[in-house]
Amino acid sequence: MSVVQAEDLNQQLDEQADRSGSGAKHRVALVFGGRSSEHGISCVTAAGILRAIDRERFDVTLVGITKRGAMVLMHEGDLADYRLDAPALPEVRDNGTRVIWPASVDTRALTLVSSDGSLSSLGAIDVVMPMLHGPYGEDGTIQGMLDLIDMPYVGSGVLGSSLCMDKHLVKVVLQSMGIPVAPWRTVTRGELDRNPAILDTIDAGLTYPLFVKPARAGSSVGVSRVTEASEIPAALEVAFAEDRTVLIESGITGREVEIAVLEGREGQPTRTSSVIGEIVVTGRDFYDFEAKYLGASGVQLVLPAKVTDAEFAAIQDAAVRAFEGTQARTLSRIDFFLTEDGPVLNELNTLPGFTPASMYPMLWEASGMSYSELITELIELALEKLPAY
């Protein structure tokens, strides 16, 4: 960069700093796409947020991450066709631009490298919405980068994100807190390669049907339901394609229910949705990726679910304890099996599906908070608190 370019860029940064301190609209960087197998769902989430965000209060800068990890500047028109009912899930394409994040805590301005190599300022960002699902987005990776430069962001910090993303470790923590979880066995690719005989006893103490899951993936990607031991090797290969660590988990007999959790404002308690949602699976083995996002048949979303006051209280109590005990922040959707003996926690999602048709915003809608209002609340929660682990 020449001296003239540097002076011009510094002037733009100073002007942006003056603007952001003058009571103008907050600047939000909406980050989406990413390197995980949930790339397309993240794109649809971003499009939904863009359509609903309060433009009277927020200006939005769109930062797409390609499947190769390039951060590119996107424009509103690029997201116009990002919908779940499109012929194929959308993808962030490399348009030759690069978005450069601040090099220190001294500025919150993003820099754009255009396709011709020229530099310009995108202005200062007040808060980031990293609507990234799966590895390299939901697991603490981008959260650590943002913490390094004191950039406020929506969602859990490094510890909460990485812990809740790891199905094995979060089970260990929840179990130590006295929150029931499904019995499981964990195995790594290396362990199995070194000792293939593990397969002979891998289901010991577990109850069929079993669910074989990647430890760090979401949206049911890589998950298989198996009903006999002979099906386990193939299911392991499907899961190992997503992660080197895999869980083999007992199936739980119970209703699949979900509750939405929202961090309290400063000094206020953690909040939950006033209703619970239920996933009723009638024509499929389980609530898989196709049923969640591609409109596959055999699944019904019941909202609100019919539960007793005692059942709701037990789910709410376990959800709040799990949210706070794992150091989650801002938002989470927590999934349970409601059994005859009470709720069994299945999963804690720190960046849950967030399209308008996703359960998390639907739960808040049924509780009296619209999709647009929920987006505003998430941003204001992030602005209220400094980045922290």
Protein backbone atom coordinates (compact mmCIF):
# COMPACT_ATOMS: atom_id res chain seq x y z
CA MET A 1 0.00 0.00 0.00
CA SER A 2 1.39 3.45 -0.93
CA VAL A 3 1.65 6.32 1.58
CA VAL A 4 -1.23 8.10 -0.20
CA GLN A 5 -3.44 5.00 -0.01
CA ALA A 6 -2.64 4.60 3.68
CA GLU A 7 -3.50 8.24 4.41
CA ASP A 8 -6.79 7.94 2.48
CA LEU A 9 -7.70 4.77 4.33
CA ASN A 10 -6.88 6.29 7.73
CA GLN A 11 -9.04 9.30 6.89
CA GLN A 12 -11.96 7.01 6.02
CA LEU A 13 -11.50 5.16 9.30
CA ASP A 14 -11.49 8.40 11.29
CA GLU A 15 -14.64 9.60 9.53
CA GLN A 16 -16.34 6.26 10.23
CA ALA A 17 -15.37 6.44 13.90
CA ASP A 18 -16.90 9.90 14.14
CA ARG A 19 -20.10 8.63 12.48
CA SER A 20 -20.46 5.60 14.75
CA GLY A 21 -20.18 7.82 17.81
CA SER A 22 -22.84 10.26 16.66
CA GLY A 23 -25.92 8.16 17.36
CA ALA A 24 -26.18 6.80 13.81
CA LYS A 25 -27.49 3.32 13.03
CA HIS A 26 -25.39 0.41 14.24
CA ARG A 27 -23.29 -1.36 11.62
CA VAL A 28 -23.73 -5.14 11.63
CA ALA A 29 -21.40 -7.55 9.84
CA LEU A 30 -23.50 -10.59 8.90
CA VAL A 31 -21.08 -13.48 8.34
CA PHE A 32 -22.28 -16.66 6.65
CA GLY A 33 -21.32 -19.65 4.50
CA GLY A 34 -18.18 -21.25 5.87
CA ARG A 35 -16.20 -24.43 5.45
CA SER A 36 -18.58 -26.89 7.11
CA SER A 37 -21.08 -29.24 5.49
CA GLU A 38 -23.80 -26.86 6.73
CA HIS A 39 -22.60 -24.10 4.39
CA GLY A 40 -25.86 -23.89 2.43
CA ILE A 41 -28.05 -23.72 5.53
CA SER A 42 -25.92 -20.86 6.83
CA CYS A 43 -26.54 -18.99 3.56
CA VAL A 44 -30.30 -19.45 3.89
CA THR A 45 -30.12 -18.25 7.51
CA ALA A 46 -28.29 -15.09 6.41
CA ALA A 47 -30.88 -14.38 3.74
CA GLY A 48 -33.69 -14.74 6.27
CA ILE A 49 -32.00 -12.36 8.69
CA LEU A 50 -31.30 -9.84 5.93
CA ARG A 51 -34.97 -9.77 4.92
CA ALA A 52 -36.17 -9.28 8.49
CA ILE A 53 -33.57 -7.08 10.19
CA ASP A 54 -34.77 -3.62 11.26
CA ARG A 55 -33.28 -1.29 8.64
CA GLU A 56 -34.25 1.74 10.72
CA ARG A 57 -31.77 0.63 13.37
CA PHE A 58 -29.10 -1.37 11.56
CA ASP A 59 -26.94 -1.13 8.45
CA VAL A 60 -25.69 -4.51 7.26
CA THR A 61 -22.36 -5.48 5.71
CA LEU A 62 -22.46 -8.96 4.16
CA VAL A 63 -19.34 -11.11 4.55
CA GLY A 64 -19.57 -14.49 2.85
CA ILE A 65 -17.09 -17.27 3.54
CA THR A 66 -16.50 -19.66 0.65
CA LYS A 67 -16.13 -23.40 1.14
CA ARG A 68 -12.38 -22.83 0.81
CA GLY A 69 -12.38 -20.24 3.59
CA ALA A 70 -12.07 -17.03 1.55
CA MET A 71 -13.93 -14.07 3.09
CA VAL A 72 -15.60 -12.09 0.33
CA LEU A 73 -17.84 -9.04 0.21
CA MET A 74 -21.38 -9.90 -0.80
CA HIS A 75 -24.25 -7.64 -1.83
CA GLU A 76 -27.92 -7.81 -0.98
CA GLY A 77 -28.89 -8.93 -4.47
CA ASP A 78 -26.56 -11.94 -4.12
CA LEU A 79 -28.85 -13.34 -1.44
CA ALA A 80 -32.15 -12.74 -3.25
CA ASP A 81 -32.52 -16.39 -4.27
CA TYR A 82 -31.14 -17.92 -1.08
CA ARG A 83 -34.14 -20.02 -0.05
CA LEU A 84 -34.73 -23.54 1.22
CA ASP A 85 -37.22 -24.18 -1.58
CA ALA A 86 -34.65 -23.42 -4.29
CA PRO A 87 -33.56 -26.34 -6.54
CA ALA A 88 -30.26 -26.54 -4.66
CA LEU A 89 -28.86 -25.08 -1.46
CA PRO A 90 -26.99 -21.80 -2.10
CA GLU A 91 -23.24 -21.39 -1.99
CA VAL A 92 -20.92 -18.43 -1.47
CA ARG A 93 -18.86 -18.08 -4.66
CA ASP A 94 -15.42 -16.52 -4.75
CA ASN A 95 -15.92 -13.15 -6.49
CA GLY A 96 -12.27 -12.13 -6.19
CA THR A 97 -12.76 -9.69 -3.31
CA ARG A 98 -11.29 -10.15 0.15
CA VAL A 99 -12.55 -8.73 3.43
CA ILE A 100 -9.73 -8.00 5.86
CA TRP A 101 -10.49 -7.84 9.57
CA PRO A 102 -8.83 -5.29 11.88
CA ALA A 103 -5.22 -6.02 12.78
CA SER A 104 -5.60 -4.82 16.38
CA VAL A 105 -8.07 -3.54 18.96
CA ASP A 106 -7.38 0.05 17.82
CA THR A 107 -10.06 -0.01 15.13
CA ARG A 108 -13.19 -1.94 14.21
CA ALA A 109 -13.03 -1.04 10.54
CA LEU A 110 -13.08 -3.71 7.86
CA THR A 111 -10.89 -3.29 4.79
CA LEU A 112 -11.90 -4.41 1.31
CA VAL A 113 -9.39 -5.71 -1.20
CA SER A 114 -11.17 -5.45 -4.55
CA SER A 115 -10.65 -7.96 -7.32
CA ASP A 116 -8.19 -5.54 -8.97
CA GLY A 117 -6.12 -5.34 -5.77
CA SER A 118 -7.18 -1.84 -4.74
CA LEU A 119 -7.97 -1.10 -1.09
CA SER A 120 -10.92 0.72 0.42
CA SER A 121 -12.58 0.93 3.80
CA LEU A 122 -15.88 -0.77 4.57
CA GLY A 123 -16.19 1.36 7.69
CA ALA A 124 -16.30 0.47 11.35
CA ILE A 125 -18.42 -2.46 12.48
CA ASP A 126 -20.31 -2.29 15.76
CA VAL A 127 -21.23 -5.95 16.07
CA VAL A 128 -20.81 -9.22 14.17
CA MET A 129 -23.52 -11.82 13.58
CA PRO A 130 -21.59 -15.01 12.78
CA MET A 131 -24.47 -17.11 11.48
CA LEU A 132 -22.21 -20.06 10.78
CA HIS A 133 -23.25 -23.61 11.56
CA GLY A 134 -20.85 -26.46 12.22
CA PRO A 135 -17.02 -26.49 12.35
CA TYR A 136 -15.05 -23.28 11.80
CA GLY A 137 -18.02 -21.18 12.86
CA GLU A 138 -20.03 -22.72 15.67
CA ASP A 139 -17.06 -24.29 17.47
CA GLY A 140 -15.24 -21.24 18.83
CA THR A 141 -12.96 -20.73 15.84
CA ILE A 142 -14.28 -17.42 14.55
CA GLN A 143 -15.24 -16.40 18.07
CA GLY A 144 -11.56 -16.56 19.06
CA MET A 145 -10.61 -14.37 16.12
CA LEU A 146 -13.21 -11.77 17.11
CA ASP A 147 -12.14 -11.86 20.76
CA LEU A 148 -8.56 -11.08 19.71
CA ILE A 149 -9.68 -7.73 18.30
CA ASP A 150 -12.39 -6.96 20.90
CA MET A 151 -15.14 -7.17 18.30
CA PRO A 152 -18.60 -7.71 19.85
CA TYR A 153 -20.52 -10.62 18.38
CA VAL A 154 -23.75 -12.55 18.72
CA GLY A 155 -23.47 -15.97 20.33
CA SER A 156 -21.36 -17.88 22.81
CA GLY A 157 -17.68 -17.26 23.41
CA VAL A 158 -14.79 -19.61 22.70
CA LEU A 159 -15.32 -21.94 25.66
CA GLY A 160 -19.11 -22.21 25.42
CA SER A 161 -19.01 -22.63 21.65
CA SER A 162 -16.29 -25.28 21.57
CA LEU A 163 -17.69 -27.21 24.53
CA CYS A 164 -21.26 -27.37 23.25
CA MET A 165 -20.07 -28.26 19.75
CA ASP A 166 -18.32 -31.37 21.10
CA LYS A 167 -21.05 -33.93 21.83
CA HIS A 168 -18.73 -36.07 23.95
CA LEU A 169 -17.30 -33.34 26.16
CA VAL A 170 -20.60 -31.57 26.72
CA LYS A 171 -22.15 -34.87 27.84
CA VAL A 172 -19.35 -35.26 30.39
CA VAL A 173 -19.99 -31.77 31.74
CA LEU A 174 -23.78 -32.11 31.80
CA GLN A 175 -23.55 -35.49 33.49
CA SER A 176 -21.29 -33.99 36.18
CA MET A 177 -23.99 -31.36 36.78
CA GLY A 178 -26.62 -34.02 37.36
CA ILE A 179 -28.45 -33.36 34.08
CA PRO A 180 -29.49 -36.69 32.49
CA VAL A 181 -28.04 -37.53 29.07
CA ALA A 182 -28.30 -40.63 26.87
CA PRO A 183 -25.71 -43.38 27.57
CA TRP A 184 -22.92 -43.35 24.99
CA ARG A 185 -19.55 -44.67 23.86
CA THR A 186 -16.95 -42.54 22.08
CA VAL A 187 -14.39 -43.82 19.59
CA THR A 188 -11.81 -42.10 17.40
CA ARG A 189 -10.67 -43.00 13.92
CA GLY A 190 -7.18 -43.70 15.27
CA GLU A 191 -8.42 -46.03 18.00
CA LEU A 192 -10.41 -48.07 15.53
CA ASP A 193 -7.53 -48.26 13.05
CA ARG A 194 -5.13 -49.45 15.78
CA ASN A 195 -7.56 -51.95 17.27
CA PRO A 196 -10.37 -53.08 14.92
CA ALA A 197 -11.51 -55.56 17.59
CA ILE A 198 -13.17 -52.60 19.35
CA LEU A 199 -16.10 -53.21 17.02
CA ASP A 200 -16.87 -56.49 18.79
CA THR A 201 -17.83 -54.74 22.03
CA ILE A 202 -18.55 -51.18 20.92
CA ASP A 203 -22.26 -51.51 21.74
CA ALA A 204 -21.73 -53.03 25.19
CA GLY A 205 -24.13 -51.54 27.72
CA LEU A 206 -26.02 -49.53 25.10
CA THR A 207 -29.64 -49.91 24.05
CA TYR A 208 -30.81 -50.32 20.44
CA PRO A 209 -31.65 -48.55 18.28
CA LEU A 210 -28.30 -46.77 18.43
CA PHE A 211 -27.45 -43.41 16.93
CA VAL A 212 -23.97 -43.01 15.47
CA LYS A 213 -22.94 -39.35 15.36
CA PRO A 214 -19.91 -37.21 14.50
CA ALA A 215 -18.76 -35.51 17.70
CA ARG A 216 -18.57 -32.07 16.08
CA ALA A 217 -21.21 -31.62 13.41
CA GLY A 218 -24.75 -30.29 13.39
CA SER A 219 -28.06 -30.47 11.53
CA SER A 220 -27.92 -34.29 11.78
CA VAL A 221 -25.16 -34.38 9.15
CA GLY A 222 -23.34 -37.72 9.32
CA VAL A 223 -25.85 -39.26 11.75
CA SER A 224 -27.15 -42.81 11.28
CA ARG A 225 -29.74 -44.86 13.14
CA VAL A 226 -28.78 -48.51 13.48
CA THR A 227 -30.89 -51.39 14.74
CA GLU A 228 -28.29 -54.17 14.86
CA ALA A 229 -24.55 -54.56 15.32
CA SER A 230 -23.90 -55.43 11.67
CA GLU A 231 -24.92 -51.88 10.68
CA ILE A 232 -22.39 -50.15 12.93
CA PRO A 233 -19.28 -50.28 10.66
CA ALA A 234 -21.04 -48.54 7.77
CA ALA A 235 -22.56 -45.96 10.13
CA LEU A 236 -19.12 -45.25 11.59
CA GLU A 237 -17.73 -44.54 8.13
CA VAL A 238 -20.53 -42.05 7.45
CA ALA A 239 -19.79 -40.28 10.73
CA PHE A 240 -16.00 -40.38 10.29
CA ALA A 241 -16.43 -38.51 7.01
CA GLU A 242 -17.43 -35.52 9.19
CA ASP A 243 -15.16 -35.91 12.22
CA ARG A 244 -12.37 -38.12 13.53
CA THR A 245 -14.31 -38.60 16.81
CA VAL A 246 -17.67 -40.41 16.81
CA LEU A 247 -20.32 -41.18 19.41
CA ILE A 248 -22.39 -44.35 19.57
CA GLU A 249 -25.43 -43.45 21.62
CA SER A 250 -28.36 -45.37 23.08
CA GLY A 251 -31.73 -44.52 21.62
CA ILE A 252 -34.05 -42.94 24.18
CA THR A 253 -37.76 -43.65 24.30
CA GLY A 254 -39.49 -40.34 24.71
CA ARG A 255 -40.99 -37.34 22.99
CA GLU A 256 -38.52 -35.06 21.16
CA VAL A 257 -39.03 -31.56 22.55
CA GLU A 258 -37.13 -28.29 22.22
CA ILE A 259 -36.97 -25.05 24.20
CA ALA A 260 -35.39 -21.72 23.27
CA VAL A 261 -33.02 -19.96 25.67
CA LEU A 262 -32.06 -16.29 25.58
CA GLU A 263 -29.48 -14.62 27.78
CA GLY A 264 -30.82 -12.03 30.20
CA ARG A 265 -29.97 -8.37 29.88
CA GLU A 266 -27.29 -7.06 32.26
CA GLY A 267 -28.24 -8.11 35.79
CA GLN A 268 -31.32 -10.03 34.63
CA PRO A 269 -31.87 -13.82 34.70
CA THR A 270 -31.63 -16.18 31.75
CA ARG A 271 -34.87 -16.37 29.78
CA THR A 272 -36.63 -19.24 28.04
CA SER A 273 -39.48 -19.37 25.57
CA SER A 274 -42.85 -19.64 27.26
CA VAL A 275 -43.74 -22.67 25.14
CA ILE A 276 -42.02 -25.87 24.07
CA GLY A 277 -41.92 -27.32 20.57
CA GLU A 278 -42.17 -30.98 19.70
CA ILE A 279 -40.79 -32.96 16.76
CA VAL A 280 -43.14 -35.80 15.82
CA VAL A 281 -41.52 -38.31 13.47
CA THR A 282 -43.98 -40.70 11.85
CA GLY A 283 -42.56 -41.77 8.50
CA ARG A 284 -38.79 -41.57 8.94
CA ASP A 285 -36.15 -43.21 11.12
CA PHE A 286 -35.33 -39.89 12.82
CA TYR A 287 -35.31 -36.12 12.37
CA ASP A 288 -32.56 -36.00 9.76
CA PHE A 289 -31.09 -33.26 7.54
CA GLU A 290 -33.65 -33.73 4.76
CA ALA A 291 -36.54 -33.42 7.21
CA LYS A 292 -35.04 -30.39 8.95
CA TYR A 293 -34.26 -28.33 5.89
CA LEU A 294 -35.45 -29.88 2.64
CA GLY A 295 -39.12 -30.42 3.39
CA ALA A 296 -38.95 -34.21 3.48
CA SER A 297 -42.16 -35.92 4.58
CA GLY A 298 -42.80 -37.84 7.77
CA VAL A 299 -42.11 -35.09 10.29
CA GLN A 300 -44.49 -32.72 12.02
CA LEU A 301 -43.52 -29.70 14.13
CA VAL A 302 -46.00 -29.25 16.98
CA LEU A 303 -46.00 -25.80 18.51
CA PRO A 304 -46.86 -25.40 21.29
CA ALA A 305 -46.32 -28.93 22.53
CA LYS A 306 -48.75 -30.30 25.08
CA VAL A 307 -46.86 -30.73 28.34
CA THR A 308 -47.88 -30.51 31.96
CA ASP A 309 -46.79 -27.63 34.16
CA ALA A 310 -44.42 -29.99 35.96
CA GLU A 311 -42.88 -31.21 32.69
CA PHE A 312 -42.40 -27.64 31.46
CA ALA A 313 -40.79 -26.63 34.75
CA ALA A 314 -38.38 -29.60 34.63
CA ILE A 315 -37.36 -28.85 31.03
CA GLN A 316 -36.98 -25.14 31.74
CA ASP A 317 -34.85 -25.79 34.84
CA ALA A 318 -32.55 -28.23 33.03
CA ALA A 319 -32.25 -25.87 30.04
CA VAL A 320 -31.24 -22.86 32.13
CA ARG A 321 -28.78 -24.91 34.19
CA ALA A 322 -27.24 -26.36 31.03
CA PHE A 323 -27.01 -22.95 29.35
CA GLU A 324 -25.33 -21.33 32.31
CA GLY A 325 -23.21 -24.34 33.29
CA THR A 326 -21.63 -24.67 29.85
CA GLN A 327 -21.00 -20.89 29.71
CA ALA A 328 -23.21 -20.46 26.68
CA ARG A 329 -24.13 -16.88 25.83
CA THR A 330 -26.75 -14.88 23.93
CA LEU A 331 -28.84 -17.77 22.56
CA SER A 332 -29.27 -21.52 22.46
CA ARG A 333 -31.86 -24.07 21.44
CA ILE A 334 -31.81 -27.01 23.81
CA ASP A 335 -33.24 -30.36 22.73
CA PHE A 336 -34.61 -33.00 25.10
CA PHE A 337 -36.23 -36.40 25.13
CA LEU A 338 -39.20 -36.19 27.45
CA THR A 339 -39.38 -39.64 29.07
CA GLU A 340 -41.56 -41.14 31.78
CA ASP A 341 -38.75 -40.37 34.23
CA GLY A 342 -38.33 -36.76 33.13
CA PRO A 343 -36.30 -34.87 30.50
CA VAL A 344 -33.06 -36.26 29.06
CA LEU A 345 -30.92 -33.60 27.39
CA ASN A 346 -30.03 -34.51 23.82
CA GLU A 347 -28.22 -31.48 22.44
CA LEU A 348 -27.34 -27.87 23.21
CA ASN A 349 -27.12 -25.71 20.06
CA THR A 350 -25.30 -22.40 20.51
CA LEU A 351 -26.04 -21.25 16.94
CA PRO A 352 -29.30 -23.04 16.15
CA GLY A 353 -31.07 -23.02 12.83
CA PHE A 354 -32.26 -19.46 12.37
CA THR A 355 -34.30 -19.33 9.19
CA PRO A 356 -37.83 -17.94 9.65
CA ALA A 357 -39.09 -21.54 9.60
CA SER A 358 -36.57 -22.81 12.17
CA MET A 359 -37.72 -23.94 15.59
CA TYR A 360 -35.72 -21.38 17.58
CA PRO A 361 -37.35 -18.24 16.12
CA MET A 362 -40.70 -20.04 15.92
CA LEU A 363 -40.56 -20.71 19.67
CA TRP A 364 -39.97 -17.02 20.37
CA GLU A 365 -42.69 -16.04 17.90
CA ALA A 366 -45.11 -18.24 19.85
CA SER A 367 -43.84 -16.56 23.03
CA GLY A 368 -44.64 -13.08 21.72
CA MET A 369 -41.35 -11.98 20.11
CA SER A 370 -41.33 -11.65 16.32
CA TYR A 371 -38.45 -12.78 14.10
CA SER A 372 -37.41 -9.17 13.52
CA GLU A 373 -37.63 -8.33 17.22
CA LEU A 374 -35.56 -11.41 18.06
CA ILE A 375 -32.80 -10.33 15.68
CA THR A 376 -32.76 -6.91 17.34
CA GLU A 377 -32.61 -8.48 20.79
CA LEU A 378 -29.64 -10.68 19.82
CA ILE A 379 -27.73 -7.69 18.46
CA GLU A 380 -28.46 -5.57 21.51
CA LEU A 381 -27.35 -8.39 23.82
CA ALA A 382 -24.05 -8.56 21.95
CA LEU A 383 -23.61 -4.78 22.10
CA GLU A 384 -24.32 -4.78 25.81
CA LYS A 385 -21.51 -7.15 26.70
CA LEU A 386 -17.82 -7.06 25.90
CA PRO A 387 -16.33 -10.14 24.21
CA ALA A 388 -15.47 -12.77 26.81
CA TYR A 389 -14.65 -16.45 27.04
